[in-house]
Each structure stands twice: as structure tokens, then as C-alpha cells.
Amino acid sequence: SAEAYFTDMEKMKFKYRVEKAVGDDTDVFLW
């Protein structure tokens, strides 16, 4: 589940800063 993914990411204590997001109906790319 998404919840399991986010729980794992929270354990890592990283901070993310999204610079750019590009996507369509089936693919999303993040810088």
C-alpha cells in the first residue's frame, strides 16, 4: 500500500525538495 511506502520513507528521516515535476496519465518524472 501507499501507506507502507510512506511509513518506510518516514523512517529514513530524509528531507525532499522537488524542483520539477512532469507527467501524463501513466508516467511522472520528478527532479
PDB file of all heavy atoms in Angstrom:
ATOM      1  N   SER A   1       0.840  -1.199   0.000  1.00  0.00           N
ATOM      2  CA  SER A   1       0.000   0.000   0.000  1.00  0.00           C
ATOM      3  C   SER A   1       0.872   1.245   0.000  1.00  0.00           C
ATOM      4  O   SER A   1       2.062   1.198   0.309  1.00  0.00           O
ATOM      5  CB  SER A   1      -0.895   0.016   1.243  1.00  0.00           C
ATOM      6  OG  SER A   1      -0.094   0.181   2.409  1.00  0.00           O
ATOM      7  N   ALA A   2       0.245   2.367  -0.343  1.00  0.00           N
ATOM      8  CA  ALA A   2       0.946   3.650  -0.283  1.00  0.00           C
ATOM      9  C   ALA A   2       1.361   3.954   1.149  1.00  0.00           C
ATOM     10  O   ALA A   2       2.443   4.488   1.394  1.00  0.00           O
ATOM     11  CB  ALA A   2       0.051   4.750  -0.839  1.00  0.00           C
ATOM     12  N   GLU A   3       0.511   3.596   2.092  1.00  0.00           N
ATOM     13  CA  GLU A   3       0.823   3.853   3.497  1.00  0.00           C
ATOM     14  C   GLU A   3       2.116   3.147   3.911  1.00  0.00           C
ATOM     15  O   GLU A   3       2.938   3.711   4.634  1.00  0.00           O
ATOM     16  CB  GLU A   3      -0.336   3.411   4.402  1.00  0.00           C
ATOM     17  CG  GLU A   3      -1.585   4.259   4.259  1.00  0.00           C
ATOM     18  CD  GLU A   3      -2.432   3.885   3.034  1.00  0.00           C
ATOM     19  OE1 GLU A   3      -2.298   2.763   2.502  1.00  0.00           O
ATOM     20  OE2 GLU A   3      -3.210   4.740   2.594  1.00  0.00           O
ATOM     21  N   ALA A   4       2.300   1.906   3.452  1.00  0.00           N
ATOM     22  CA  ALA A   4       3.519   1.158   3.775  1.00  0.00           C
ATOM     23  C   ALA A   4       4.744   1.858   3.193  1.00  0.00           C
ATOM     24  O   ALA A   4       5.783   1.957   3.845  1.00  0.00           O
ATOM     25  CB  ALA A   4       3.419  -0.271   3.267  1.00  0.00           C
ATOM     26  N   TYR A   5       4.628   2.361   1.975  1.00  0.00           N
ATOM     27  CA  TYR A   5       5.730   3.076   1.329  1.00  0.00           C
ATOM     28  C   TYR A   5       6.078   4.331   2.132  1.00  0.00           C
ATOM     29  O   TYR A   5       7.231   4.576   2.461  1.00  0.00           O
ATOM     30  CB  TYR A   5       5.355   3.436  -0.108  1.00  0.00           C
ATOM     31  CG  TYR A   5       6.381   4.299  -0.795  1.00  0.00           C
ATOM     32  CD1 TYR A   5       7.540   3.743  -1.316  1.00  0.00           C
ATOM     33  CD2 TYR A   5       6.201   5.672  -0.905  1.00  0.00           C
ATOM     34  CE1 TYR A   5       8.493   4.528  -1.943  1.00  0.00           C
ATOM     35  CE2 TYR A   5       7.142   6.465  -1.531  1.00  0.00           C
ATOM     36  CZ  TYR A   5       8.281   5.894  -2.050  1.00  0.00           C
ATOM     37  OH  TYR A   5       9.218   6.673  -2.659  1.00  0.00           O
ATOM     38  N   PHE A   6       5.062   5.141   2.456  1.00  0.00           N
ATOM     39  CA  PHE A   6       5.322   6.377   3.187  1.00  0.00           C
ATOM     40  C   PHE A   6       5.865   6.112   4.590  1.00  0.00           C
ATOM     41  O   PHE A   6       6.708   6.858   5.086  1.00  0.00           O
ATOM     42  CB  PHE A   6       4.067   7.254   3.231  1.00  0.00           C
ATOM     43  CG  PHE A   6       3.759   7.877   1.898  1.00  0.00           C
ATOM     44  CD1 PHE A   6       2.603   7.552   1.224  1.00  0.00           C
ATOM     45  CD2 PHE A   6       4.639   8.774   1.315  1.00  0.00           C
ATOM     46  CE1 PHE A   6       2.321   8.119  -0.011  1.00  0.00           C
ATOM     47  CE2 PHE A   6       4.372   9.351   0.080  1.00  0.00           C
ATOM     48  CZ  PHE A   6       3.210   9.015  -0.588  1.00  0.00           C
ATOM     49  N   THR A   7       5.425   5.061   5.231  1.00  0.00           N
ATOM     50  CA  THR A   7       5.958   4.693   6.539  1.00  0.00           C
ATOM     51  C   THR A   7       7.453   4.387   6.437  1.00  0.00           C
ATOM     52  O   THR A   7       8.252   4.851   7.255  1.00  0.00           O
ATOM     53  CB  THR A   7       5.204   3.479   7.118  1.00  0.00           C
ATOM     54  OG1 THR A   7       3.839   3.851   7.309  1.00  0.00           O
ATOM     55  CG2 THR A   7       5.806   3.027   8.438  1.00  0.00           C
ATOM     56  N   ASP A   8       7.844   3.639   5.403  1.00  0.00           N
ATOM     57  CA  ASP A   8       9.262   3.334   5.195  1.00  0.00           C
ATOM     58  C   ASP A   8      10.066   4.604   4.931  1.00  0.00           C
ATOM     59  O   ASP A   8      11.165   4.775   5.453  1.00  0.00           O
ATOM     60  CB  ASP A   8       9.434   2.361   4.033  1.00  0.00           C
ATOM     61  CG  ASP A   8       9.011   0.949   4.381  1.00  0.00           C
ATOM     62  OD1 ASP A   8       8.786   0.658   5.574  1.00  0.00           O
ATOM     63  OD2 ASP A   8       8.902   0.123   3.448  1.00  0.00           O
ATOM     64  N   MET A   9       9.522   5.505   4.125  1.00  0.00           N
ATOM     65  CA  MET A   9      10.228   6.748   3.803  1.00  0.00           C
ATOM     66  C   MET A   9      10.382   7.636   5.029  1.00  0.00           C
ATOM     67  O   MET A   9      11.425   8.269   5.224  1.00  0.00           O
ATOM     68  CB  MET A   9       9.506   7.515   2.687  1.00  0.00           C
ATOM     69  CG  MET A   9       9.488   6.810   1.345  1.00  0.00           C
ATOM     70  SD  MET A   9      11.133   6.501   0.676  1.00  0.00           S
ATOM     71  CE  MET A   9      11.314   4.745   0.968  1.00  0.00           C
ATOM     72  N   GLU A  10       9.370   7.685   5.899  1.00  0.00           N
ATOM     73  CA  GLU A  10       9.453   8.495   7.115  1.00  0.00           C
ATOM     74  C   GLU A  10      10.544   7.989   8.049  1.00  0.00           C
ATOM     75  O   GLU A  10      11.194   8.783   8.741  1.00  0.00           O
ATOM     76  CB  GLU A  10       8.110   8.507   7.831  1.00  0.00           C
ATOM     77  CG  GLU A  10       7.069   9.350   7.133  1.00  0.00           C
ATOM     78  CD  GLU A  10       5.690   9.236   7.764  1.00  0.00           C
ATOM     79  OE1 GLU A  10       5.526   8.504   8.760  1.00  0.00           O
ATOM     80  OE2 GLU A  10       4.768   9.881   7.239  1.00  0.00           O
ATOM     81  N   LYS A  11      10.771   6.688   8.074  1.00  0.00           N
ATOM     82  CA  LYS A  11      11.816   6.110   8.927  1.00  0.00           C
ATOM     83  C   LYS A  11      13.202   6.611   8.529  1.00  0.00           C
ATOM     84  O   LYS A  11      14.106   6.673   9.353  1.00  0.00           O
ATOM     85  CB  LYS A  11      11.780   4.588   8.846  1.00  0.00           C
ATOM     86  CG  LYS A  11      10.579   3.967   9.519  1.00  0.00           C
ATOM     87  CD  LYS A  11      10.599   2.469   9.327  1.00  0.00           C
ATOM     88  CE  LYS A  11       9.332   1.827   9.828  1.00  0.00           C
ATOM     89  NZ  LYS A  11       9.276   0.391   9.515  1.00  0.00           N
ATOM     90  N   MET A  12      13.375   6.951   7.274  1.00  0.00           N
ATOM     91  CA  MET A  12      14.687   7.393   6.778  1.00  0.00           C
ATOM     92  C   MET A  12      15.024   8.816   7.188  1.00  0.00           C
ATOM     93  O   MET A  12      16.172   9.231   7.122  1.00  0.00           O
ATOM     94  CB  MET A  12      14.746   7.247   5.261  1.00  0.00           C
ATOM     95  CG  MET A  12      14.742   5.820   4.814  1.00  0.00           C
ATOM     96  SD  MET A  12      14.996   5.777   3.050  1.00  0.00           S
ATOM     97  CE  MET A  12      14.399   4.153   2.694  1.00  0.00           C
ATOM     98  N   LYS A  13      14.047   9.602   7.592  1.00  0.00           N
ATOM     99  CA  LYS A  13      14.259  10.975   8.080  1.00  0.00           C
ATOM    100  C   LYS A  13      14.920  11.893   7.040  1.00  0.00           C
ATOM    101  O   LYS A  13      15.610  12.834   7.393  1.00  0.00           O
ATOM    102  CB  LYS A  13      15.106  10.972   9.357  1.00  0.00           C
ATOM    103  CG  LYS A  13      14.571  10.099  10.452  1.00  0.00           C
ATOM    104  CD  LYS A  13      13.497  10.785  11.201  1.00  0.00           C
ATOM    105  CE  LYS A  13      13.134   9.914  12.402  1.00  0.00           C
ATOM    106  NZ  LYS A  13      11.812  10.051  12.833  1.00  0.00           N
ATOM    107  N   PHE A  14      14.740  11.608   5.748  1.00  0.00           N
ATOM    108  CA  PHE A  14      15.267  12.478   4.707  1.00  0.00           C
ATOM    109  C   PHE A  14      14.310  13.636   4.473  1.00  0.00           C
ATOM    110  O   PHE A  14      13.125  13.544   4.758  1.00  0.00           O
ATOM    111  CB  PHE A  14      15.440  11.720   3.386  1.00  0.00           C
ATOM    112  CG  PHE A  14      16.419  10.582   3.443  1.00  0.00           C
ATOM    113  CD1 PHE A  14      16.273   9.507   2.591  1.00  0.00           C
ATOM    114  CD2 PHE A  14      17.485  10.576   4.323  1.00  0.00           C
ATOM    115  CE1 PHE A  14      17.167   8.453   2.618  1.00  0.00           C
ATOM    116  CE2 PHE A  14      18.381   9.525   4.361  1.00  0.00           C
ATOM    117  CZ  PHE A  14      18.225   8.468   3.499  1.00  0.00           C
ATOM    118  N   LYS A  15      14.849  14.718   3.932  1.00  0.00           N
ATOM    119  CA  LYS A  15      14.021  15.860   3.544  1.00  0.00           C
ATOM    120  C   LYS A  15      14.126  16.005   2.030  1.00  0.00           C
ATOM    121  O   LYS A  15      15.216  15.975   1.478  1.00  0.00           O
ATOM    122  CB  LYS A  15      14.489  17.127   4.242  1.00  0.00           C
ATOM    123  CG  LYS A  15      14.284  17.058   5.730  1.00  0.00           C
ATOM    124  CD  LYS A  15      14.622  18.374   6.378  1.00  0.00           C
ATOM    125  CE  LYS A  15      14.659  18.182   7.860  1.00  0.00           C
ATOM    126  NZ  LYS A  15      13.649  18.670   8.614  1.00  0.00           N
ATOM    127  N   TYR A  16      12.978  16.139   1.391  1.00  0.00           N
ATOM    128  CA  TYR A  16      12.912  16.201  -0.063  1.00  0.00           C
ATOM    129  C   TYR A  16      12.519  17.605  -0.505  1.00  0.00           C
ATOM    130  O   TYR A  16      11.636  18.228   0.069  1.00  0.00           O
ATOM    131  CB  TYR A  16      11.864  15.211  -0.583  1.00  0.00           C
ATOM    132  CG  TYR A  16      12.178  13.777  -0.238  1.00  0.00           C
ATOM    133  CD1 TYR A  16      11.804  13.238   0.984  1.00  0.00           C
ATOM    134  CD2 TYR A  16      12.849  12.972  -1.138  1.00  0.00           C
ATOM    135  CE1 TYR A  16      12.096  11.922   1.313  1.00  0.00           C
ATOM    136  CE2 TYR A  16      13.144  11.650  -0.827  1.00  0.00           C
ATOM    137  CZ  TYR A  16      12.769  11.139   0.393  1.00  0.00           C
ATOM    138  OH  TYR A  16      13.058   9.837   0.715  1.00  0.00           O
ATOM    139  N   ARG A  17      13.183  18.094  -1.569  1.00  0.00           N
ATOM    140  CA  ARG A  17      12.814  19.365  -2.172  1.00  0.00           C
ATOM    141  C   ARG A  17      12.615  19.123  -3.669  1.00  0.00           C
ATOM    142  O   ARG A  17      13.580  18.920  -4.411  1.00  0.00           O
ATOM    143  CB  ARG A  17      13.898  20.421  -1.946  1.00  0.00           C
ATOM    144  CG  ARG A  17      13.472  21.808  -2.424  1.00  0.00           C
ATOM    145  CD  ARG A  17      14.524  22.872  -2.161  1.00  0.00           C
ATOM    146  NE  ARG A  17      15.607  22.740  -3.129  1.00  0.00           N
ATOM    147  CZ  ARG A  17      16.899  22.586  -2.828  1.00  0.00           C
ATOM    148  NH1 ARG A  17      17.281  22.542  -1.563  1.00  0.00           N
ATOM    149  NH2 ARG A  17      17.801  22.491  -3.766  1.00  0.00           N
ATOM    150  N   VAL A  18      11.370  19.108  -4.098  1.00  0.00           N
ATOM    151  CA  VAL A  18      11.051  18.855  -5.500  1.00  0.00           C
ATOM    152  C   VAL A  18      11.323  20.131  -6.294  1.00  0.00           C
ATOM    153  O   VAL A  18      10.829  21.201  -5.960  1.00  0.00           O
ATOM    154  CB  VAL A  18       9.584  18.405  -5.675  1.00  0.00           C
ATOM    155  CG1 VAL A  18       9.239  18.251  -7.155  1.00  0.00           C
ATOM    156  CG2 VAL A  18       9.333  17.100  -4.923  1.00  0.00           C
ATOM    157  N   GLU A  19      12.123  19.992  -7.351  1.00  0.00           N
ATOM    158  CA  GLU A  19      12.469  21.117  -8.212  1.00  0.00           C
ATOM    159  C   GLU A  19      11.563  21.179  -9.437  1.00  0.00           C
ATOM    160  O   GLU A  19      11.228  22.260  -9.904  1.00  0.00           O
ATOM    161  CB  GLU A  19      13.926  21.005  -8.676  1.00  0.00           C
ATOM    162  CG  GLU A  19      14.939  20.924  -7.552  1.00  0.00           C
ATOM    163  CD  GLU A  19      15.051  22.203  -6.756  1.00  0.00           C
ATOM    164  OE1 GLU A  19      14.648  23.268  -7.253  1.00  0.00           O
ATOM    165  OE2 GLU A  19      15.558  22.143  -5.625  1.00  0.00           O
ATOM    166  N   LYS A  20      11.174  20.013  -9.963  1.00  0.00           N
ATOM    167  CA  LYS A  20      10.371  19.979 -11.188  1.00  0.00           C
ATOM    168  C   LYS A  20       9.616  18.648 -11.241  1.00  0.00           C
ATOM    169  O   LYS A  20      10.153  17.613 -10.895  1.00  0.00           O
ATOM    170  CB  LYS A  20      11.296  20.091 -12.407  1.00  0.00           C
ATOM    171  CG  LYS A  20      10.620  20.165 -13.728  1.00  0.00           C
ATOM    172  CD  LYS A  20      10.088  21.552 -13.959  1.00  0.00           C
ATOM    173  CE  LYS A  20       9.561  21.697 -15.383  1.00  0.00           C
ATOM    174  NZ  LYS A  20       9.012  22.981 -15.654  1.00  0.00           N
ATOM    175  N   ALA A  21       8.360  18.718 -11.680  1.00  0.00           N
ATOM    176  CA  ALA A  21       7.543  17.510 -11.885  1.00  0.00           C
ATOM    177  C   ALA A  21       6.922  17.603 -13.273  1.00  0.00           C
ATOM    178  O   ALA A  21       6.379  18.643 -13.650  1.00  0.00           O
ATOM    179  CB  ALA A  21       6.459  17.414 -10.822  1.00  0.00           C
ATOM    180  N   VAL A  22       7.023  16.513 -14.032  1.00  0.00           N
ATOM    181  CA  VAL A  22       6.462  16.437 -15.377  1.00  0.00           C
ATOM    182  C   VAL A  22       5.760  15.098 -15.486  1.00  0.00           C
ATOM    183  O   VAL A  22       6.286  14.072 -15.034  1.00  0.00           O
ATOM    184  CB  VAL A  22       7.568  16.534 -16.448  1.00  0.00           C
ATOM    185  CG1 VAL A  22       6.992  16.419 -17.852  1.00  0.00           C
ATOM    186  CG2 VAL A  22       8.365  17.816 -16.297  1.00  0.00           C
ATOM    187  N   GLY A  23       4.565  15.077 -16.073  1.00  0.00           N
ATOM    188  CA  GLY A  23       3.885  13.799 -16.173  1.00  0.00           C
ATOM    189  C   GLY A  23       2.735  13.795 -17.144  1.00  0.00           C
ATOM    190  O   GLY A  23       2.365  14.824 -17.715  1.00  0.00           O
ATOM    191  N   ASP A  24       2.184  12.601 -17.323  1.00  0.00           N
ATOM    192  CA  ASP A  24       0.985  12.410 -18.124  1.00  0.00           C
ATOM    193  C   ASP A  24       0.119  11.379 -17.408  1.00  0.00           C
ATOM    194  O   ASP A  24       0.273  11.182 -16.203  1.00  0.00           O
ATOM    195  CB  ASP A  24       1.325  12.004 -19.564  1.00  0.00           C
ATOM    196  CG  ASP A  24       2.157  10.732 -19.662  1.00  0.00           C
ATOM    197  OD1 ASP A  24       2.097   9.880 -18.741  1.00  0.00           O
ATOM    198  OD2 ASP A  24       2.856  10.560 -20.672  1.00  0.00           O
ATOM    199  N   ASP A  25      -0.760  10.710 -18.112  1.00  0.00           N
ATOM    200  CA  ASP A  25      -1.671   9.755 -17.465  1.00  0.00           C
ATOM    201  C   ASP A  25      -0.987   8.518 -16.899  1.00  0.00           C
ATOM    202  O   ASP A  25      -1.519   7.868 -16.009  1.00  0.00           O
ATOM    203  CB  ASP A  25      -2.747   9.299 -18.457  1.00  0.00           C
ATOM    204  CG  ASP A  25      -3.707  10.421 -18.805  1.00  0.00           C
ATOM    205  OD1 ASP A  25      -3.776  11.406 -18.033  1.00  0.00           O
ATOM    206  OD2 ASP A  25      -4.387  10.318 -19.839  1.00  0.00           O
ATOM    207  N   THR A  26       0.203   8.169 -17.414  1.00  0.00           N
ATOM    208  CA  THR A  26       0.832   6.921 -16.980  1.00  0.00           C
ATOM    209  C   THR A  26       2.236   7.066 -16.421  1.00  0.00           C
ATOM    210  O   THR A  26       2.766   6.107 -15.857  1.00  0.00           O
ATOM    211  CB  THR A  26       0.892   5.905 -18.144  1.00  0.00           C
ATOM    212  OG1 THR A  26       1.643   6.478 -19.224  1.00  0.00           O
ATOM    213  CG2 THR A  26      -0.499   5.525 -18.615  1.00  0.00           C
ATOM    214  N   ASP A  27       2.846   8.238 -16.567  1.00  0.00           N
ATOM    215  CA  ASP A  27       4.217   8.397 -16.103  1.00  0.00           C
ATOM    216  C   ASP A  27       4.412   9.773 -15.473  1.00  0.00           C
ATOM    217  O   ASP A  27       3.899  10.774 -15.966  1.00  0.00           O
ATOM    218  CB  ASP A  27       5.210   8.239 -17.252  1.00  0.00           C
ATOM    219  CG  ASP A  27       5.192   6.844 -17.823  1.00  0.00           C
ATOM    220  OD1 ASP A  27       5.674   5.926 -17.126  1.00  0.00           O
ATOM    221  OD2 ASP A  27       4.679   6.653 -18.939  1.00  0.00           O
ATOM    222  N   VAL A  28       5.180   9.797 -14.378  1.00  0.00           N
ATOM    223  CA  VAL A  28       5.544  11.036 -13.713  1.00  0.00           C
ATOM    224  C   VAL A  28       7.056  11.019 -13.501  1.00  0.00           C
ATOM    225  O   VAL A  28       7.621  10.005 -13.066  1.00  0.00           O
ATOM    226  CB  VAL A  28       4.830  11.179 -12.344  1.00  0.00           C
ATOM    227  CG1 VAL A  28       5.301  12.433 -11.621  1.00  0.00           C
ATOM    228  CG2 VAL A  28       3.322  11.180 -12.529  1.00  0.00           C
ATOM    229  N   PHE A  29       7.694  12.138 -13.831  1.00  0.00           N
ATOM    230  CA  PHE A  29       9.125  12.286 -13.615  1.00  0.00           C
ATOM    231  C   PHE A  29       9.340  13.424 -12.631  1.00  0.00           C
ATOM    232  O   PHE A  29       8.766  14.500 -12.794  1.00  0.00           O
ATOM    233  CB  PHE A  29       9.845  12.605 -14.934  1.00  0.00           C
ATOM    234  CG  PHE A  29       9.757  11.497 -15.934  1.00  0.00           C
ATOM    235  CD1 PHE A  29       8.692  11.430 -16.821  1.00  0.00           C
ATOM    236  CD2 PHE A  29      10.725  10.514 -15.976  1.00  0.00           C
ATOM    237  CE1 PHE A  29       8.596  10.403 -17.748  1.00  0.00           C
ATOM    238  CE2 PHE A  29      10.632   9.478 -16.897  1.00  0.00           C
ATOM    239  CZ  PHE A  29       9.572   9.423 -17.784  1.00  0.00           C
ATOM    240  N   LEU A  30      10.171  13.190 -11.632  1.00  0.00           N
ATOM    241  CA  LEU A  30      10.475  14.219 -10.634  1.00  0.00           C
ATOM    242  C   LEU A  30      11.970  14.490 -10.621  1.00  0.00           C
ATOM    243  O   LEU A  30      12.779  13.550 -10.646  1.00  0.00           O
ATOM    244  CB  LEU A  30      10.064  13.760  -9.234  1.00  0.00           C
ATOM    245  CG  LEU A  30       8.592  13.550  -8.955  1.00  0.00           C
ATOM    246  CD1 LEU A  30       8.409  13.014  -7.544  1.00  0.00           C
ATOM    247  CD2 LEU A  30       7.814  14.835  -9.129  1.00  0.00           C
ATOM    248  N   TRP A  31      12.341  15.755 -10.571  1.00  0.00           N
ATOM    249  CA  TRP A  31      13.714  16.177 -10.315  1.00  0.00           C
ATOM    250  C   TRP A  31      13.688  16.774  -8.921  1.00  0.00           C
ATOM    251  O   TRP A  31      12.916  17.694  -8.654  1.00  0.00           O
ATOM    252  CB  TRP A  31      14.140  17.206 -11.352  1.00  0.00           C
ATOM    253  CG  TRP A  31      15.479  17.806 -11.066  1.00  0.00           C
ATOM    254  CD1 TRP A  31      15.716  19.062 -10.613  1.00  0.00           C
ATOM    255  CD2 TRP A  31      16.751  17.187 -11.209  1.00  0.00           C
ATOM    256  NE1 TRP A  31      17.066  19.265 -10.458  1.00  0.00           N
ATOM    257  CE2 TRP A  31      17.731  18.128 -10.819  1.00  0.00           C
ATOM    258  CE3 TRP A  31      17.170  15.925 -11.611  1.00  0.00           C
ATOM    259  CZ2 TRP A  31      19.086  17.837 -10.827  1.00  0.00           C
ATOM    260  CZ3 TRP A  31      18.525  15.646 -11.619  1.00  0.00           C
ATOM    261  CH2 TRP A  31      19.466  16.590 -11.237  1.00  0.00           C
TER     262      TRP A  31
END
